[in-house]
Every structure is written in structure tokens, then in C-alpha cells.
Amino acid sequence: MLKILIFSWFLLLPISYAKEKALSLAVFPYSSPAKILQHNKGLKYFLQNELQQPISIVTAKSNKDYVHKLKEGAYDFIFAAPHIARYAELHANYKRVAVTKNKIQAYYIIKKSSSFKSLADLKNKTIAMTSEYAIFHQLALHDFEKHKIFKGKNLKVNIMKNNLNSIFALLKNKADVALTGILLWKKLPDKYKRDLKLLEKSTKTTGFIIMVKKSLAPQLQKITKNSLLKFHTSKEGKSYLFKGYREITDSEMKQLDPYIYVFK
């Protein structure tokens, strides 16, 4: 399905550059391929127009597979979770361009019937969340450590394919708490949400980061950065899910170092 959608977009390219090789914008697999395409369609068309080159949006089957491919230099641009971007900067052939203006934060969800008051009450309990390659997983481990709760010692982790499955695990009594995203929680149907409540919010971290392969032409790199920084003023940018882009500092990148060990 993903290949069909990418091909159909390629057919819609202006004749002036339809024959050029498309630059790949690889979005890490934070959702289904269809959702990824939907969320980033405006960004694709905007950059395509700014660069005057065709762009194809691609993804991978998992964060692990995504990192493996970027290490091979398979992508021209990457739109990555912050810890993946930091890894790409330190251990692959990519340099930062810009970061989304939104912050990343997860929600700890419990049943309304639960007596838990804080994360400190979850010692020797079970959490449902996505794999250790996901930034939510790393944020959760960081949060639990503050309460001397450690994965594999006094915290059991049930790994789920996605955040929605984490919610279902909680509803089916396969976990005491579920870790999920803000958007999913806000849009969760009432038939599921009515029995649940928010326990706490996770530590915040920086937004999603766009990186460029260092071997890409310097002029294209410059145009990409300038274009992203003004994206929020464009027609496509005004309806963009992630609120536009800004520059990211060295200190912000260094703060991500504790989360990249999982890729080594």
C-alpha cells in the first residue's frame, strides 16, 4: 500500500522535474504508513516546490529497521524521533536541519477504579508500552528511575506494537498502566476512555528533527533549512500537525545522549 501511495504521488509531480530522481524523506514509523503520509503530505509538497525536485516519503517497518537503513545512508532526509536524530548525528552520515516546534510528551493512563496516585505507586507493577527503540519507552524509564523503579527489577514491561495496543492491554487487565501519546488520548473513543484516567504526564523532550545526508549538495541543504524555518507561514504549514520548525541548539542535542544507547 505504501509503495502504491508513493507512486501515485510521483505521478502528480510537475512535468518540469517529473523525470528527476526523487529525494527520499524517510519518516520514522511513529504510526501506520497511511497516517504518516497524511500527516506529512503538506510538508512533502512544500519542500518539493522549494527545492524544485521530486520528493518521495518513505518509512520502515520498525524503529530498529529505520536506524539500520539510515546507518547505511539509504535516505536523503530523515524525519526522526529526537533520540534517533541524535544517533544519526553522532554515528551516521547526517546533520541536523531543524526541529518541530512541538514538544514530545507521553501520558501514563490507568483505570478509574485504580488506587494509584503517582508513578511511585507502580513498584512491582506492569506497564504496557512500545519497544525500547521508541522515545516514549526511554522517557518512561527515565521517569521511573526517579522513584527507584527499574525495568526488569521492580517493574514489568509488556511490549506493545503501538500506543493503542497499550491502551487495550490496560483495558484487558494485562497491565496496570499504559503509556500513550497525547493525540491518541485526546481522540480515544469514549467507549474506551470512560473507564480510564490520566495518572501523570511524562518528562518532556524536544520535538521531531529533520536531518539531511551530509553528501547532499550544500545548496540543497541551505535551501532546505531556510524553507523549513518559514514553513509555518505557508499554506501547507498553517495546518501542519507539528506546528512548524525552528533551529535546534547543541545543548538540546546533547540532552538526548542518555537515550541513544539502545541503538549501539
Protein backbone atom coordinates (compact mmCIF):
# COMPACT_ATOMS: atom_id res chain seq x y z
CA MET A 1 0.00 0.00 0.00
CA LEU A 2 2.81 2.44 0.91
CA LYS A 3 4.57 1.90 -2.42
CA ILE A 4 1.30 2.44 -4.30
CA LEU A 5 0.66 5.72 -2.47
CA ILE A 6 4.20 6.98 -3.08
CA PHE A 7 3.96 6.05 -6.76
CA SER A 8 0.62 7.82 -7.13
CA TRP A 9 2.12 10.98 -5.65
CA PHE A 10 5.05 10.74 -8.03
CA LEU A 11 2.65 10.70 -10.95
CA LEU A 12 1.32 14.07 -9.81
CA LEU A 13 4.72 15.80 -10.00
CA PRO A 14 5.07 18.80 -12.35
CA ILE A 15 6.33 17.77 -15.80
CA SER A 16 9.35 20.10 -15.39
CA TYR A 17 11.00 17.72 -12.90
CA ALA A 18 8.98 14.52 -13.03
CA LYS A 19 11.88 12.70 -14.70
CA GLU A 20 14.40 13.60 -11.98
CA LYS A 21 15.27 11.04 -9.32
CA ALA A 22 13.17 11.66 -6.23
CA LEU A 23 14.88 12.64 -2.99
CA SER A 24 13.79 10.38 -0.14
CA LEU A 25 12.27 11.84 3.02
CA ALA A 26 12.26 8.95 5.48
CA VAL A 27 9.77 9.37 8.32
CA PHE A 28 10.36 7.14 11.33
CA PRO A 29 7.45 4.69 11.85
CA TYR A 30 5.51 6.54 14.54
CA SER A 31 2.19 5.45 13.02
CA SER A 32 0.76 3.48 10.10
CA PRO A 33 2.13 4.29 6.61
CA ALA A 34 -1.23 5.82 5.66
CA LYS A 35 -1.21 8.15 8.69
CA ILE A 36 2.41 9.11 8.10
CA LEU A 37 1.59 10.10 4.53
CA GLN A 38 -1.48 12.01 5.64
CA HIS A 39 0.38 13.97 8.33
CA ASN A 40 3.34 14.89 6.10
CA LYS A 41 1.72 15.39 2.70
CA GLY A 42 1.82 19.17 3.04
CA LEU A 43 5.49 19.13 4.05
CA LYS A 44 6.33 16.97 1.06
CA TYR A 45 4.65 19.29 -1.44
CA PHE A 46 6.14 22.39 0.20
CA LEU A 47 9.72 21.08 0.09
CA GLN A 48 9.23 19.74 -3.40
CA ASN A 49 8.28 23.20 -4.58
CA GLU A 50 11.08 24.92 -2.67
CA LEU A 51 13.78 22.52 -3.87
CA GLN A 52 12.31 22.12 -7.35
CA GLN A 53 12.94 18.41 -7.09
CA PRO A 54 10.61 15.45 -6.57
CA ILE A 55 10.41 14.03 -3.06
CA SER A 56 9.13 10.63 -2.01
CA ILE A 57 8.04 9.90 1.54
CA VAL A 58 9.16 6.51 2.81
CA THR A 59 9.15 4.77 6.17
CA ALA A 60 10.29 1.48 7.71
CA LYS A 61 8.62 -1.44 9.43
CA SER A 62 10.16 -0.58 12.83
CA ASN A 63 12.43 1.94 14.54
CA LYS A 64 15.19 -0.68 14.60
CA ASP A 65 14.90 -1.23 10.85
CA TYR A 66 14.75 2.54 10.30
CA VAL A 67 18.01 3.10 12.18
CA HIS A 68 19.66 0.23 10.33
CA LYS A 69 18.80 1.80 6.97
CA LEU A 70 19.90 5.31 7.92
CA LYS A 71 23.23 3.88 9.09
CA GLU A 72 23.61 2.59 5.54
CA GLY A 73 22.87 6.08 4.20
CA ALA A 74 19.71 4.88 2.46
CA TYR A 75 17.84 8.17 2.94
CA ASP A 76 18.44 11.74 1.71
CA PHE A 77 16.41 13.33 4.51
CA ILE A 78 15.17 11.85 7.74
CA PHE A 79 12.27 12.99 9.90
CA ALA A 80 13.14 11.28 13.15
CA ALA A 81 12.31 10.97 16.81
CA PRO A 82 14.84 13.09 18.71
CA HIS A 83 16.96 10.22 20.07
CA ILE A 84 17.18 8.66 16.60
CA ALA A 85 18.26 12.02 15.16
CA ARG A 86 20.97 12.36 17.80
CA TYR A 87 22.24 8.89 16.99
CA ALA A 88 22.27 9.76 13.27
CA GLU A 89 24.29 12.88 14.04
CA LEU A 90 26.90 11.03 16.09
CA HIS A 91 27.09 7.67 14.34
CA ALA A 92 25.77 8.10 10.79
CA ASN A 93 26.33 10.50 7.93
CA TYR A 94 23.63 13.06 8.79
CA LYS A 95 23.50 16.64 10.06
CA ARG A 96 20.65 18.46 11.75
CA VAL A 97 18.47 20.91 9.85
CA ALA A 98 15.53 21.88 12.07
CA VAL A 99 13.24 20.60 14.83
CA THR A 100 9.45 20.76 15.12
CA LYS A 101 8.15 23.42 17.47
CA ASN A 102 6.06 20.97 19.48
CA LYS A 103 7.43 19.11 22.48
CA ILE A 104 7.16 15.34 22.86
CA GLN A 105 5.42 14.04 25.95
CA ALA A 106 3.70 10.77 26.86
CA TYR A 107 0.71 10.12 29.12
CA TYR A 108 0.52 7.45 31.82
CA ILE A 109 -3.03 6.09 31.74
CA ILE A 110 -4.69 3.95 34.42
CA LYS A 111 -8.18 2.67 35.12
CA LYS A 112 -10.54 4.96 37.00
CA SER A 113 -11.04 2.19 39.53
CA SER A 114 -7.32 2.18 40.30
CA SER A 115 -5.98 3.49 43.61
CA PHE A 116 -2.64 4.66 42.13
CA LYS A 117 -1.83 8.29 42.90
CA SER A 118 1.57 8.65 41.21
CA LEU A 119 4.28 6.68 39.40
CA ALA A 120 5.79 5.90 42.80
CA ASP A 121 2.83 3.58 43.44
CA LEU A 122 3.74 1.38 40.46
CA LYS A 123 6.59 -0.53 42.09
CA ASN A 124 6.27 -4.22 41.20
CA LYS A 125 3.51 -3.42 38.71
CA THR A 126 3.20 -3.85 34.93
CA ILE A 127 3.32 -1.16 32.26
CA ALA A 128 2.24 -1.61 28.64
CA MET A 129 4.26 0.45 26.17
CA THR A 130 6.03 0.34 22.83
CA SER A 131 9.53 -1.07 22.36
CA GLU A 132 12.75 0.24 23.86
CA TYR A 133 13.61 1.82 20.49
CA ALA A 134 10.72 4.30 20.94
CA ILE A 135 11.31 7.64 22.66
CA PHE A 136 8.24 7.09 24.89
CA HIS A 137 9.86 3.95 26.30
CA GLN A 138 13.08 5.82 27.09
CA LEU A 139 11.20 8.72 28.72
CA ALA A 140 9.29 6.24 30.89
CA LEU A 141 12.46 4.50 32.12
CA HIS A 142 13.88 7.92 33.00
CA ASP A 143 10.71 8.86 34.92
CA PHE A 144 10.56 5.58 36.86
CA GLU A 145 14.21 5.79 37.85
CA LYS A 146 13.40 8.93 39.83
CA HIS A 147 11.26 6.69 42.07
CA LYS A 148 13.86 3.91 42.22
CA ILE A 149 11.74 1.74 39.96
CA PHE A 150 13.71 -0.19 37.35
CA LYS A 151 12.71 -2.28 34.36
CA GLY A 152 13.39 -5.96 34.97
CA LYS A 153 13.75 -5.50 38.72
CA ASN A 154 10.62 -4.00 40.23
CA LEU A 155 8.80 -3.06 37.02
CA LYS A 156 7.47 -5.48 34.41
CA VAL A 157 7.17 -4.20 30.85
CA ASN A 158 4.73 -5.62 28.31
CA ILE A 159 5.91 -4.54 24.86
CA MET A 160 3.12 -3.47 22.51
CA LYS A 161 3.18 -2.88 18.76
CA ASN A 162 1.71 0.61 19.12
CA ASN A 163 0.26 3.03 21.68
CA LEU A 164 -3.33 1.99 21.03
CA ASN A 165 -2.47 -1.62 21.82
CA SER A 166 -1.03 -0.38 25.12
CA ILE A 167 -4.44 1.05 25.96
CA PHE A 168 -6.13 -2.21 25.03
CA ALA A 169 -3.70 -4.13 27.25
CA LEU A 170 -4.75 -1.94 30.16
CA LEU A 171 -8.45 -2.44 29.42
CA LYS A 172 -7.93 -6.21 29.23
CA ASN A 173 -6.16 -6.26 32.62
CA LYS A 174 -2.83 -7.22 31.06
CA ALA A 175 -1.17 -4.13 32.54
CA ASP A 176 -1.61 -1.76 35.48
CA VAL A 177 -0.71 1.33 33.46
CA ALA A 178 -0.45 2.17 29.77
CA LEU A 179 1.87 4.67 28.13
CA THR A 180 0.38 6.53 25.18
CA GLY A 181 0.56 9.75 23.20
CA ILE A 182 -1.32 12.97 23.80
CA LEU A 183 -3.12 12.96 20.45
CA LEU A 184 -4.28 9.36 20.79
CA TRP A 185 -5.55 10.02 24.32
CA LYS A 186 -7.49 13.09 23.22
CA LYS A 187 -9.09 11.25 20.30
CA LEU A 188 -9.71 7.94 22.07
CA PRO A 189 -13.37 6.92 21.64
CA ASP A 190 -15.48 7.37 24.76
CA LYS A 191 -16.36 3.67 24.86
CA TYR A 192 -12.72 3.08 25.88
CA LYS A 193 -11.89 6.36 27.59
CA ARG A 194 -14.80 6.42 30.03
CA ASP A 195 -13.17 3.76 32.22
CA LEU A 196 -9.72 5.37 32.14
CA LYS A 197 -7.93 8.41 33.55
CA LEU A 198 -4.62 10.22 33.35
CA LEU A 199 -2.20 9.38 36.15
CA GLU A 200 0.76 11.57 35.17
CA LYS A 201 2.48 13.16 32.20
CA SER A 202 6.00 12.11 31.26
CA THR A 203 9.10 14.23 31.12
CA LYS A 204 9.06 16.45 28.03
CA THR A 205 11.70 16.26 25.35
CA THR A 206 12.39 18.12 22.14
CA GLY A 207 10.28 17.65 19.02
CA PHE A 208 10.91 15.65 15.87
CA ILE A 209 14.08 16.51 13.97
CA ILE A 210 14.76 16.72 10.26
CA MET A 211 18.28 15.69 9.27
CA VAL A 212 20.00 15.75 5.89
CA LYS A 213 22.63 13.42 4.46
CA LYS A 214 25.96 15.25 4.57
CA SER A 215 26.73 14.28 0.99
CA LEU A 216 23.70 16.13 -0.36
CA ALA A 217 24.60 19.27 -2.34
CA PRO A 218 25.35 22.19 0.04
CA GLN A 219 22.93 24.45 -1.84
CA LEU A 220 20.10 21.96 -1.33
CA GLN A 221 20.96 21.74 2.36
CA LYS A 222 20.81 25.53 2.67
CA ILE A 223 17.51 25.82 0.82
CA THR A 224 16.01 23.02 2.94
CA LYS A 225 16.90 24.74 6.20
CA ASN A 226 15.68 28.18 5.11
CA SER A 227 12.48 26.66 3.76
CA LEU A 228 11.69 24.72 6.93
CA LEU A 229 12.17 27.79 9.12
CA LYS A 230 9.49 29.63 7.14
CA PHE A 231 7.24 26.61 6.63
CA HIS A 232 4.76 27.80 9.29
CA THR A 233 3.90 30.85 7.14
CA SER A 234 2.96 28.75 4.11
CA LYS A 235 -0.47 27.39 3.23
CA GLU A 236 0.70 23.86 3.98
CA GLY A 237 2.43 24.89 7.20
CA LYS A 238 -0.62 26.57 8.73
CA SER A 239 -2.42 23.24 9.01
CA TYR A 240 0.67 21.17 9.87
CA LEU A 241 0.26 18.75 12.77
CA PHE A 242 3.66 19.53 14.33
CA LYS A 243 3.41 23.37 14.42
CA GLY A 244 6.30 24.27 12.12
CA TYR A 245 10.08 24.24 12.60
CA ARG A 246 12.86 26.07 14.44
CA GLU A 247 16.61 25.70 14.81
CA ILE A 248 17.92 23.29 17.44
CA THR A 249 20.87 24.01 19.72
CA ASP A 250 23.90 21.92 20.62
CA SER A 251 22.73 21.71 24.24
CA GLU A 252 19.32 20.36 23.20
CA MET A 253 21.00 17.66 21.15
CA LYS A 254 23.37 16.69 23.96
CA GLN A 255 20.43 16.26 26.34
CA LEU A 256 19.34 13.33 24.14
CA ASP A 257 22.54 11.36 24.72
CA PRO A 258 21.12 9.19 27.56
CA TYR A 259 18.52 7.78 25.17
CA ILE A 260 20.71 6.62 22.27
CA TYR A 261 22.42 3.65 23.95
CA VAL A 262 19.68 1.36 22.67
CA PHE A 263 20.89 1.76 19.06
CA LYS A 264 24.52 0.86 19.69
